[in-house]
Amino acid sequence: MEYPKSGPVTLRANLADYAVTKALKSGGVPSDLVSFDFCGPKVAFQGFKPMVRERAFDASELAIATFLQAKVYGKPVTLLPAVVMGRFQHNHALRCIARGPLAPGDIVGRRIGIRSYTQTTGIWVRGILQHEYGVDLNKVTWVCNDDGHLAEFVEPPNVERTPAGSNKVDQMLLDAELDAAILGADMPNEPRVTHLIPNPKEAALAWRTKYGTVPVNHFFCVDKALADTRPDVVAEIFRMLKASKAAAPPPADGIDFHLFGIEALRKPLGLIIQYAVEQKIIPRALTVDELFDNSTRGLT
């Protein structure tokens, strides 16, 4: 891909509607250098695979797990130290009431559903189950609907794929075909399921105190050719993202999930890298600094 060496650019972009991106997407953050054509799919994560496999966008929101794999497999994607979506994860693990009581530490030997084994929410939840509840993740069967975003990735042997045309894992959970599931969406208003981790909000706050950080899910990325050719554009995108966040109402609970800058991100990135290696998402550990390049390392 080629980009002009100077002057204004219009970038094909994939970005969901969040409170922190509203001003950017509505034109409330003006720029003489960068314009966006928000041409991504209605559901932004459906654009992650085209971004890393086809270079379908010049700039895109991207799950951090997808980026870690893209980095390992040498895909031309550059990460900005800018989180557009983060959240607590404890409440995304649900269990089927009809299958009887189930404590977080007792899921060994059970079948647990998740959209994709490489889903970032799943990596966080599995890391929590391993490190806070002593679960041997290799002794759990992970039942998945979808493959990963990177074609090079080979799923571990304890991953089971749902047959084509079968019920999705959320419906399988409701139908008592699974013991539990990790769902990316919030817990449904459904009497057949309840939280796998008791008192998930209190558990999440305790986790935050213990680790001194918050989980991060989606970052903003650009095509590497753009970063190499136009570091000024990358810096301007970062400025616009920060301005959009500043225009959003402050979080009611005072917890900032939308971290900016490498130093603010060292702890959560270090944790997700650790979990990704332990769960065989990536074959080797990466340092936080090697996730960024010359166009993004100095952004604060």
Protein backbone atom coordinates (compact mmCIF):
# COMPACT_ATOMS: atom_id res chain seq x y z
CA MET A 1 0.00 0.00 0.00
CA GLU A 2 1.21 3.50 -0.82
CA TYR A 3 0.46 6.77 0.94
CA PRO A 4 1.34 10.36 -0.02
CA LYS A 5 4.55 11.58 1.57
CA SER A 6 2.97 14.86 2.63
CA GLY A 7 -0.34 16.67 2.81
CA PRO A 8 -3.81 15.69 4.05
CA VAL A 9 -4.99 12.07 3.94
CA THR A 10 -8.36 10.36 4.04
CA LEU A 11 -8.18 6.98 5.74
CA ARG A 12 -10.52 4.02 5.42
CA ALA A 13 -11.33 3.22 9.03
CA ASN A 14 -13.09 0.63 11.16
CA LEU A 15 -14.20 1.90 14.57
CA ALA A 16 -17.19 1.18 16.78
CA ASP A 17 -19.37 3.74 18.52
CA TYR A 18 -18.10 4.26 22.06
CA ALA A 19 -18.45 7.23 24.38
CA VAL A 20 -14.72 7.93 23.91
CA THR A 21 -14.95 7.78 20.10
CA LYS A 22 -18.20 9.73 19.67
CA ALA A 23 -16.56 13.12 19.15
CA LEU A 24 -14.08 11.69 16.65
CA LYS A 25 -16.71 9.88 14.62
CA SER A 26 -19.16 12.80 14.63
CA GLY A 27 -16.59 15.29 13.35
CA GLY A 28 -16.25 17.00 16.71
CA VAL A 29 -12.45 16.67 16.61
CA PRO A 30 -11.35 18.67 13.55
CA SER A 31 -8.07 18.10 11.75
CA ASP A 32 -6.48 19.71 8.72
CA LEU A 33 -4.35 16.62 8.21
CA VAL A 34 -6.53 13.55 8.76
CA SER A 35 -10.02 12.67 7.62
CA PHE A 36 -11.71 9.32 8.15
CA ASP A 37 -14.01 7.29 5.95
CA PHE A 38 -15.67 5.06 8.54
CA CYS A 39 -16.41 2.22 6.17
CA GLY A 40 -16.02 -0.73 8.52
CA PRO A 41 -18.78 -3.23 9.28
CA LYS A 42 -21.61 -2.35 11.64
CA VAL A 43 -20.08 -4.69 14.24
CA ALA A 44 -16.47 -3.52 14.44
CA PHE A 45 -14.90 -6.85 15.48
CA GLN A 46 -16.05 -8.32 12.17
CA GLY A 47 -13.45 -6.05 10.58
CA PHE A 48 -10.53 -7.39 12.63
CA LYS A 49 -9.93 -10.43 10.43
CA PRO A 50 -10.00 -8.38 7.18
CA MET A 51 -7.60 -5.87 8.76
CA VAL A 52 -4.91 -8.45 9.57
CA ARG A 53 -5.48 -10.80 6.63
CA GLU A 54 -6.34 -8.41 3.78
CA ARG A 55 -5.19 -4.93 4.93
CA ALA A 56 -8.78 -3.89 4.36
CA PHE A 57 -8.46 -0.63 6.32
CA ASP A 58 -5.85 2.07 6.73
CA ALA A 59 -6.78 2.42 10.39
CA SER A 60 -8.82 0.22 12.66
CA GLU A 61 -9.83 -0.65 16.15
CA LEU A 62 -8.23 -4.03 16.90
CA ALA A 63 -8.44 -6.51 19.76
CA ILE A 64 -5.13 -6.68 21.60
CA ALA A 65 -5.05 -10.49 21.26
CA THR A 66 -5.39 -10.12 17.49
CA PHE A 67 -2.57 -7.60 17.45
CA LEU A 68 -0.28 -9.84 19.52
CA GLN A 69 -0.76 -12.61 16.97
CA ALA A 70 -0.33 -10.18 14.09
CA LYS A 71 2.97 -9.04 15.61
CA VAL A 72 4.23 -12.61 16.06
CA TYR A 73 3.24 -13.58 12.52
CA GLY A 74 4.77 -10.47 10.95
CA LYS A 75 1.63 -8.73 9.73
CA PRO A 76 2.00 -5.09 8.63
CA VAL A 77 0.02 -3.51 11.48
CA THR A 78 1.25 -0.76 13.83
CA LEU A 79 -0.17 -0.40 17.34
CA LEU A 80 -0.95 2.98 18.88
CA PRO A 81 -0.82 3.17 22.69
CA ALA A 82 -4.49 4.13 22.73
CA VAL A 83 -7.31 2.01 24.18
CA VAL A 84 -10.75 2.53 22.68
CA MET A 85 -12.46 -0.24 24.66
CA GLY A 86 -11.65 -1.75 28.05
CA ARG A 87 -13.76 -3.20 30.85
CA PHE A 88 -13.81 -5.58 33.77
CA GLN A 89 -14.04 -9.21 32.69
CA HIS A 90 -15.30 -11.19 35.70
CA ASN A 91 -18.97 -10.74 34.78
CA HIS A 92 -18.52 -12.25 31.31
CA ALA A 93 -18.18 -15.81 32.65
CA LEU A 94 -21.62 -17.43 32.98
CA ARG A 95 -22.76 -20.86 34.12
CA CYS A 96 -25.84 -22.91 33.30
CA ILE A 97 -28.04 -23.28 36.39
CA ALA A 98 -29.66 -26.49 35.12
CA ARG A 99 -26.31 -28.27 35.17
CA GLY A 100 -25.99 -27.76 38.91
CA PRO A 101 -23.70 -25.72 41.17
CA LEU A 102 -20.32 -24.88 39.71
CA ALA A 103 -17.55 -22.92 41.39
CA PRO A 104 -14.89 -21.14 39.29
CA GLY A 105 -12.20 -23.51 40.52
CA ASP A 106 -14.23 -26.59 39.58
CA ILE A 107 -14.46 -26.25 35.80
CA VAL A 108 -11.73 -28.81 35.07
CA GLY A 109 -13.23 -31.55 32.91
CA ARG A 110 -16.14 -29.31 31.87
CA ARG A 111 -17.15 -27.94 28.47
CA ILE A 112 -17.00 -24.15 28.39
CA GLY A 113 -18.25 -22.16 25.42
CA ILE A 114 -16.65 -19.09 23.84
CA ARG A 115 -17.07 -17.42 20.45
CA SER A 116 -13.41 -17.93 19.55
CA TYR A 117 -10.53 -19.36 21.55
CA THR A 118 -8.42 -16.29 20.71
CA GLN A 119 -11.07 -13.76 21.81
CA THR A 120 -9.51 -11.15 24.10
CA THR A 121 -12.27 -11.36 26.70
CA GLY A 122 -11.71 -15.11 26.85
CA ILE A 123 -7.98 -14.67 27.42
CA TRP A 124 -8.62 -12.30 30.32
CA VAL A 125 -11.25 -14.57 31.88
CA ARG A 126 -9.12 -17.70 31.50
CA GLY A 127 -6.18 -15.85 33.04
CA ILE A 128 -8.36 -14.89 35.98
CA LEU A 129 -9.59 -18.47 36.35
CA GLN A 130 -6.03 -19.80 36.27
CA HIS A 131 -4.34 -17.30 38.55
CA GLU A 132 -7.13 -16.46 40.99
CA TYR A 133 -8.92 -19.81 41.18
CA GLY A 134 -6.21 -22.35 40.37
CA VAL A 135 -7.80 -23.77 37.20
CA ASP A 136 -5.64 -25.93 34.95
CA LEU A 137 -6.80 -24.50 31.63
CA ASN A 138 -5.41 -27.46 29.68
CA LYS A 139 -7.93 -29.73 31.39
CA VAL A 140 -10.95 -27.73 30.24
CA THR A 141 -12.65 -28.29 26.87
CA TRP A 142 -13.21 -24.94 25.15
CA VAL A 143 -16.15 -25.12 22.72
CA CYS A 144 -15.83 -22.42 20.04
CA ASN A 145 -17.98 -21.10 17.20
CA ASP A 146 -15.31 -19.33 15.16
CA ASP A 147 -11.68 -19.61 14.15
CA GLY A 148 -9.10 -17.00 15.08
CA HIS A 149 -8.38 -13.85 13.12
CA LEU A 150 -4.92 -15.06 12.01
CA ALA A 151 -4.83 -17.91 9.51
CA GLU A 152 -1.48 -19.10 10.88
CA PHE A 153 -2.88 -19.90 14.33
CA VAL A 154 -3.42 -23.57 15.22
CA GLU A 155 -5.85 -24.20 18.07
CA PRO A 156 -4.70 -26.26 21.09
CA PRO A 157 -5.96 -29.87 21.27
CA ASN A 158 -8.48 -29.08 24.02
CA VAL A 159 -10.42 -26.75 21.72
CA GLU A 160 -13.61 -28.17 20.21
CA ARG A 161 -15.38 -26.45 17.34
CA THR A 162 -19.16 -26.38 17.03
CA PRO A 163 -20.42 -28.04 13.82
CA ALA A 164 -21.34 -25.75 10.95
CA GLY A 165 -24.93 -24.62 11.26
CA SER A 166 -25.18 -25.66 14.90
CA ASN A 167 -26.40 -23.49 17.75
CA LYS A 168 -24.04 -20.75 18.83
CA VAL A 169 -22.45 -21.19 22.22
CA ASP A 170 -24.77 -18.68 23.89
CA GLN A 171 -27.79 -20.74 22.85
CA MET A 172 -25.99 -23.95 23.78
CA LEU A 173 -25.51 -22.50 27.27
CA LEU A 174 -29.23 -21.71 27.56
CA ASP A 175 -30.07 -25.21 26.33
CA ALA A 176 -27.84 -26.77 29.02
CA GLU A 177 -25.49 -28.24 26.39
CA LEU A 178 -22.57 -26.47 28.07
CA ASP A 179 -21.57 -26.10 31.70
CA ALA A 180 -20.57 -22.48 31.28
CA ALA A 181 -19.57 -19.91 28.68
CA ILE A 182 -17.53 -16.76 28.29
CA LEU A 183 -19.66 -14.23 26.41
CA GLY A 184 -18.33 -11.01 24.96
CA ALA A 185 -21.65 -9.25 25.52
CA ASP A 186 -23.03 -8.39 28.92
CA MET A 187 -24.91 -11.06 30.86
CA PRO A 188 -28.34 -11.64 29.32
CA ASN A 189 -31.47 -11.06 31.37
CA GLU A 190 -32.08 -14.78 31.47
CA PRO A 191 -33.06 -16.93 34.49
CA ARG A 192 -31.31 -20.03 33.09
CA VAL A 193 -27.83 -18.59 33.66
CA THR A 194 -25.92 -16.87 36.43
CA HIS A 195 -22.40 -15.64 37.00
CA LEU A 196 -19.67 -18.28 37.25
CA ILE A 197 -17.60 -15.97 39.45
CA PRO A 198 -19.70 -14.95 42.49
CA ASN A 199 -20.10 -11.22 43.12
CA PRO A 200 -18.23 -10.37 39.92
CA LYS A 201 -18.14 -6.61 40.49
CA GLU A 202 -16.55 -6.97 43.92
CA ALA A 203 -14.15 -9.61 42.55
CA ALA A 204 -13.16 -7.31 39.68
CA LEU A 205 -12.49 -4.40 42.02
CA ALA A 206 -10.36 -6.66 44.22
CA TRP A 207 -8.47 -7.81 41.10
CA ARG A 208 -7.84 -4.17 40.15
CA THR A 209 -6.44 -3.47 43.61
CA LYS A 210 -4.23 -6.55 43.50
CA TYR A 211 -2.73 -5.87 40.08
CA GLY A 212 -2.90 -2.08 40.06
CA THR A 213 -4.46 -1.88 36.62
CA VAL A 214 -7.53 -2.67 34.51
CA PRO A 215 -8.11 -5.10 31.62
CA VAL A 216 -7.83 -3.62 28.13
CA ASN A 217 -9.55 -5.06 25.07
CA HIS A 218 -9.39 -2.96 21.91
CA PHE A 219 -6.65 -0.59 20.76
CA PHE A 220 -6.35 1.62 17.69
CA CYS A 221 -3.98 0.49 14.93
CA VAL A 222 -2.85 1.64 11.51
CA ASP A 223 -1.35 -0.03 8.49
CA LYS A 224 2.41 -0.27 8.90
CA ALA A 225 3.04 1.41 5.54
CA LEU A 226 1.14 4.44 6.78
CA ALA A 227 3.16 4.51 10.01
CA ASP A 228 6.43 4.18 8.11
CA THR A 229 5.55 6.84 5.54
CA ARG A 230 3.63 9.31 7.67
CA PRO A 231 4.56 9.40 11.36
CA ASP A 232 2.99 12.88 11.42
CA VAL A 233 -0.36 11.31 10.52
CA VAL A 234 0.02 8.71 13.25
CA ALA A 235 0.73 11.44 15.82
CA GLU A 236 -2.30 13.37 14.62
CA ILE A 237 -4.55 10.31 14.92
CA PHE A 238 -3.31 9.82 18.48
CA ARG A 239 -4.07 13.48 19.27
CA MET A 240 -7.56 13.13 17.83
CA LEU A 241 -8.25 9.99 19.85
CA LYS A 242 -7.13 11.73 23.04
CA ALA A 243 -9.28 14.76 22.26
CA SER A 244 -12.27 12.53 21.61
CA LYS A 245 -11.77 10.78 24.94
CA ALA A 246 -11.48 14.16 26.70
CA ALA A 247 -14.81 15.20 25.18
CA ALA A 248 -16.59 12.17 26.65
CA PRO A 249 -18.31 12.30 30.06
CA PRO A 250 -16.01 11.09 32.84
CA PRO A 251 -16.72 7.52 34.03
CA ALA A 252 -19.31 7.45 36.80
CA ASP A 253 -17.18 5.13 38.92
CA GLY A 254 -13.98 7.08 38.33
CA ILE A 255 -12.22 4.09 36.74
CA ASP A 256 -10.41 4.86 33.49
CA PHE A 257 -10.37 1.86 31.16
CA HIS A 258 -9.17 3.92 28.18
CA LEU A 259 -5.48 4.19 28.88
CA PHE A 260 -3.13 6.21 26.67
CA GLY A 261 0.65 6.07 26.49
CA ILE A 262 3.06 3.16 26.91
CA GLU A 263 3.83 3.76 30.58
CA ALA A 264 0.14 3.68 31.53
CA LEU A 265 -0.21 0.47 29.54
CA ARG A 266 2.79 -1.50 30.83
CA LYS A 267 0.90 -3.45 33.48
CA PRO A 268 -2.16 -4.53 31.46
CA LEU A 269 -0.08 -5.28 28.38
CA GLY A 270 2.37 -7.30 30.45
CA LEU A 271 -0.50 -9.34 31.86
CA ILE A 272 -2.23 -10.02 28.55
CA ILE A 273 1.10 -11.06 27.00
CA GLN A 274 1.70 -13.46 29.90
CA TYR A 275 -1.80 -14.93 29.61
CA ALA A 276 -1.51 -15.22 25.83
CA VAL A 277 1.68 -17.25 26.12
CA GLU A 278 0.28 -19.47 28.87
CA GLN A 279 -2.84 -20.15 26.79
CA LYS A 280 -0.88 -20.86 23.60
CA ILE A 281 -2.33 -17.84 21.80
CA ILE A 282 1.20 -16.75 20.86
CA PRO A 283 4.29 -19.00 20.83
CA ARG A 284 6.66 -16.66 22.64
CA ALA A 285 6.59 -13.74 25.03
CA LEU A 286 6.88 -10.24 23.66
CA THR A 287 8.13 -7.23 25.58
CA VAL A 288 5.80 -4.27 25.89
CA ASP A 289 8.27 -2.01 24.09
CA GLU A 290 8.54 -4.25 21.03
CA LEU A 291 4.80 -3.90 20.45
CA PHE A 292 5.43 -0.33 19.30
CA ASP A 293 7.63 1.20 16.61
CA ASN A 294 9.38 4.51 16.03
CA SER A 295 6.16 6.24 15.01
CA THR A 296 4.29 5.26 18.20
CA ARG A 297 6.85 4.80 21.00
CA GLY A 298 6.98 8.49 21.83
CA LEU A 299 3.22 9.06 21.95
CA THR A 300 2.05 10.09 25.42
